[in-house]
Amino acid sequence: MVPLENKSPDEVKRIVEALLFAVQEPISVRKISEIIEGAEAKEIREVIQQLREEYDAHDRVFQVEEIANGFQLLSRPEYHEWISKIRKKSGENKLSQQALETLSIIAYKQPIIRAEIEAIRGVQSGQMIRTLIEKGLVKITGRDEVLGRPLLYGTTTKFLDHFGLKSIKDLPKVEDLEMP
C-alpha cells in the first residue's frame, strides 16, 4: 500500500496512470483506492477523468476505457488494425464457432438453463458450456425453479473484458445484428 500523505495531486495522478499502464485487465476504482491508502473513490474518478481529458487534448494514441466495472489504458480503435499486425492471437484466446454460438446464446438469454441452449442450437452443449466455464467466460448463476432444478448459466466479468464491454447492456441489439 502506498500512503497518500505528502503526495501532491500531480503525484497521485502519476500513480494512478502508472497503475492503469501496468495492469493487463481492468482495475476497479476500489482496488486503486486500496493501493493508494487514503485516496477516496471520488478522487480516483476525478483523476481518471483528468487523464482522459489530457489524452484527448494531446491526441494520444491511447485512452482510458471503462470495461467490466474497472478502468484500463488501451490503444484507440483507429490503431487496432496496425496493432493486430504485430500481435499473434494465442489459441486460448480464440473461440470456435460453436463456442461463440453458445456464448452468444448465454449472453443474450441469461440466466439460461442448458436445455434451452440446446433447444436453440439444436445440438448437445454440455461440453461447450464446460469449456466456456474453464475459460472463465461463463459461470453458474444459480438453479432454476423448474422440475429437477437445473443449473442456470450467465456471463462473467472476464466475458465483458474479453469483448471490451462496460456491461451486458452494451451488447449489440439483436435487431441490429446483420444476418448472413
Protein backbone atom coordinates (compact mmCIF):
# COMPACT_ATOMS: atom_id res chain seq x y z
CA MET A 1 0.00 0.00 0.00
CA VAL A 2 1.18 3.49 -0.86
CA PRO A 3 0.20 6.06 1.80
CA LEU A 4 -1.38 9.21 0.34
CA GLU A 5 0.07 11.62 2.90
CA ASN A 6 2.56 14.13 1.49
CA LYS A 7 1.53 13.32 -2.09
CA SER A 8 0.66 16.21 -4.39
CA PRO A 9 -2.34 15.89 -6.75
CA ASP A 10 0.14 15.50 -9.65
CA GLU A 11 1.89 12.62 -7.85
CA VAL A 12 -1.47 10.90 -7.22
CA LYS A 13 -2.32 11.33 -10.90
CA ARG A 14 1.03 9.80 -11.93
CA ILE A 15 0.49 6.87 -9.55
CA VAL A 16 -2.99 6.22 -11.00
CA GLU A 17 -1.59 6.48 -14.53
CA ALA A 18 1.20 4.03 -13.66
CA LEU A 19 -1.34 1.56 -12.26
CA LEU A 20 -3.51 1.83 -15.39
CA PHE A 21 -0.41 1.33 -17.54
CA ALA A 22 0.76 -1.72 -15.57
CA VAL A 23 -2.44 -3.76 -15.41
CA GLN A 24 -3.38 -6.25 -18.11
CA GLU A 25 -7.01 -6.37 -17.00
CA PRO A 26 -9.35 -3.58 -15.93
CA ILE A 27 -8.70 -2.32 -12.40
CA SER A 28 -11.54 -1.02 -10.25
CA VAL A 29 -11.60 2.36 -8.53
CA ARG A 30 -11.95 0.47 -5.25
CA LYS A 31 -8.75 -1.51 -5.93
CA ILE A 32 -6.85 1.68 -6.84
CA SER A 33 -8.02 3.37 -3.64
CA GLU A 34 -6.89 0.29 -1.65
CA ILE A 35 -3.45 0.52 -3.23
CA ILE A 36 -3.20 4.28 -2.62
CA GLU A 37 -4.10 4.44 1.06
CA GLY A 38 -6.20 7.48 1.87
CA ALA A 39 -7.42 8.09 -1.68
CA GLU A 40 -11.19 8.24 -1.95
CA ALA A 41 -13.12 6.75 -4.84
CA LYS A 42 -14.37 10.21 -5.87
CA GLU A 43 -10.78 11.49 -6.06
CA ILE A 44 -9.70 8.49 -8.16
CA ARG A 45 -12.60 9.02 -10.57
CA GLU A 46 -11.65 12.70 -10.91
CA VAL A 47 -8.03 11.76 -11.66
CA ILE A 48 -9.15 9.23 -14.28
CA GLN A 49 -11.34 11.91 -15.90
CA GLN A 50 -8.36 14.32 -15.91
CA LEU A 51 -6.22 11.67 -17.61
CA ARG A 52 -8.93 11.08 -20.22
CA GLU A 53 -9.14 14.80 -20.97
CA GLU A 54 -5.34 15.14 -21.19
CA TYR A 55 -5.05 12.19 -23.58
CA ASP A 56 -7.79 13.66 -25.78
CA ALA A 57 -6.32 17.18 -25.68
CA HIS A 58 -2.87 15.91 -26.68
CA ASP A 59 -4.31 13.50 -29.28
CA ARG A 60 -2.61 10.49 -27.66
CA VAL A 61 -2.83 7.07 -29.33
CA PHE A 62 -4.20 5.58 -26.13
CA GLN A 63 -7.18 6.28 -23.89
CA VAL A 64 -8.63 5.21 -20.55
CA GLU A 65 -11.55 2.86 -21.15
CA GLU A 66 -14.16 1.75 -18.61
CA ILE A 67 -14.57 -2.01 -19.02
CA ALA A 68 -16.15 -4.64 -16.76
CA ASN A 69 -16.50 -2.33 -13.73
CA GLY A 70 -12.90 -1.18 -13.98
CA PHE A 71 -10.56 1.00 -16.00
CA GLN A 72 -7.75 0.14 -18.39
CA LEU A 73 -5.35 2.04 -20.62
CA LEU A 74 -5.95 0.90 -24.22
CA SER A 75 -4.95 1.98 -27.70
CA ARG A 76 -7.54 3.95 -29.64
CA PRO A 77 -9.71 1.93 -32.05
CA GLU A 78 -8.23 3.60 -35.14
CA TYR A 79 -4.89 1.92 -34.38
CA HIS A 80 -6.23 -1.61 -33.74
CA GLU A 81 -5.60 -2.66 -37.36
CA TRP A 82 -1.91 -1.81 -37.03
CA ILE A 83 -1.52 -3.35 -33.61
CA SER A 84 -3.19 -6.57 -34.71
CA LYS A 85 -0.49 -6.96 -37.36
CA ILE A 86 2.17 -7.42 -34.68
CA ARG A 87 0.09 -9.39 -32.21
CA LYS A 88 -0.36 -13.08 -32.72
CA LYS A 89 -3.62 -14.32 -31.29
CA SER A 90 -2.93 -17.22 -29.00
CA GLY A 91 -5.03 -20.34 -29.34
CA GLU A 92 -6.53 -19.90 -25.88
CA ASN A 93 -7.97 -16.50 -26.81
CA LYS A 94 -9.62 -17.80 -29.96
CA LEU A 95 -13.10 -19.21 -29.68
CA SER A 96 -14.52 -21.76 -32.09
CA GLN A 97 -17.73 -21.07 -33.98
CA GLN A 98 -19.56 -23.49 -31.65
CA ALA A 99 -18.17 -21.72 -28.58
CA LEU A 100 -19.20 -18.32 -29.95
CA GLU A 101 -22.72 -19.60 -30.70
CA THR A 102 -23.11 -21.00 -27.20
CA LEU A 103 -21.61 -17.89 -25.60
CA SER A 104 -23.90 -15.61 -27.62
CA ILE A 105 -26.98 -17.53 -26.53
CA ILE A 106 -25.90 -17.36 -22.88
CA ALA A 107 -25.05 -13.64 -23.12
CA TYR A 108 -28.37 -12.65 -24.65
CA LYS A 109 -30.68 -15.03 -22.75
CA GLN A 110 -29.03 -15.18 -19.32
CA PRO A 111 -29.81 -16.63 -16.91
CA ILE A 112 -30.45 -19.70 -19.02
CA ILE A 113 -30.51 -23.47 -18.48
CA ARG A 114 -28.63 -25.96 -20.66
CA ALA A 115 -31.84 -27.42 -22.13
CA GLU A 116 -32.79 -24.00 -23.51
CA ILE A 117 -29.33 -23.53 -25.03
CA GLU A 118 -29.57 -26.96 -26.65
CA ALA A 119 -33.07 -26.21 -27.95
CA ILE A 120 -31.78 -23.06 -29.65
CA ARG A 121 -28.58 -24.62 -31.02
CA GLY A 122 -30.13 -27.98 -31.90
CA VAL A 123 -27.15 -29.91 -30.50
CA GLN A 124 -25.89 -31.01 -27.11
CA SER A 125 -23.96 -28.21 -25.45
CA GLY A 126 -22.78 -29.58 -22.10
CA GLN A 127 -19.12 -29.88 -23.12
CA MET A 128 -19.13 -26.46 -24.76
CA ILE A 129 -20.58 -24.88 -21.60
CA ARG A 130 -17.88 -26.61 -19.51
CA THR A 131 -15.20 -25.26 -21.87
CA LEU A 132 -16.58 -21.71 -21.55
CA ILE A 133 -16.64 -22.09 -17.75
CA GLU A 134 -12.98 -23.27 -17.82
CA LYS A 135 -12.06 -20.20 -19.90
CA GLY A 136 -13.78 -18.03 -17.28
CA LEU A 137 -16.31 -16.57 -19.73
CA VAL A 138 -19.38 -18.32 -18.26
CA LYS A 139 -20.39 -19.09 -14.68
CA ILE A 140 -23.17 -20.90 -12.85
CA THR A 141 -25.53 -18.23 -11.56
CA GLY A 142 -27.93 -20.43 -9.61
CA ARG A 143 -30.67 -23.01 -10.11
CA ASP A 144 -33.96 -22.71 -11.97
CA GLU A 145 -37.21 -23.32 -10.10
CA VAL A 146 -38.48 -25.89 -12.64
CA LEU A 147 -38.56 -29.64 -12.03
CA GLY A 148 -35.07 -31.01 -11.40
CA ARG A 149 -33.74 -27.53 -10.53
CA PRO A 150 -31.27 -27.35 -13.45
CA LEU A 151 -28.27 -25.03 -13.29
CA LEU A 152 -28.57 -21.50 -14.65
CA TYR A 153 -25.70 -20.01 -16.64
CA GLY A 154 -24.59 -16.43 -17.21
CA THR A 155 -21.55 -14.49 -18.35
CA THR A 156 -18.66 -13.25 -16.19
CA THR A 157 -16.72 -10.00 -15.89
CA LYS A 158 -13.97 -11.77 -17.86
CA PHE A 159 -16.52 -12.06 -20.69
CA LEU A 160 -17.06 -8.29 -20.52
CA ASP A 161 -13.31 -7.71 -20.50
CA HIS A 162 -12.69 -10.15 -23.39
CA PHE A 163 -15.20 -8.35 -25.61
CA GLY A 164 -14.46 -4.82 -24.34
CA LEU A 165 -17.88 -4.21 -22.82
CA LYS A 166 -18.67 -1.98 -19.85
CA SER A 167 -21.77 -4.03 -19.01
CA ILE A 168 -24.03 -6.65 -20.58
CA LYS A 169 -26.28 -3.77 -21.69
CA ASP A 170 -23.55 -2.79 -24.17
CA LEU A 171 -24.12 -5.90 -26.29
CA PRO A 172 -25.40 -5.03 -29.77
CA LYS A 173 -29.18 -5.16 -30.05
CA VAL A 174 -30.36 -8.37 -31.70
CA GLU A 175 -32.29 -6.43 -34.34
CA ASP A 176 -29.09 -4.53 -35.28
CA LEU A 177 -27.10 -7.69 -35.97
CA GLU A 178 -26.54 -8.47 -39.63
CA MET A 179 -27.77 -11.91 -40.66
CA PRO A 180 -25.82 -13.60 -43.49
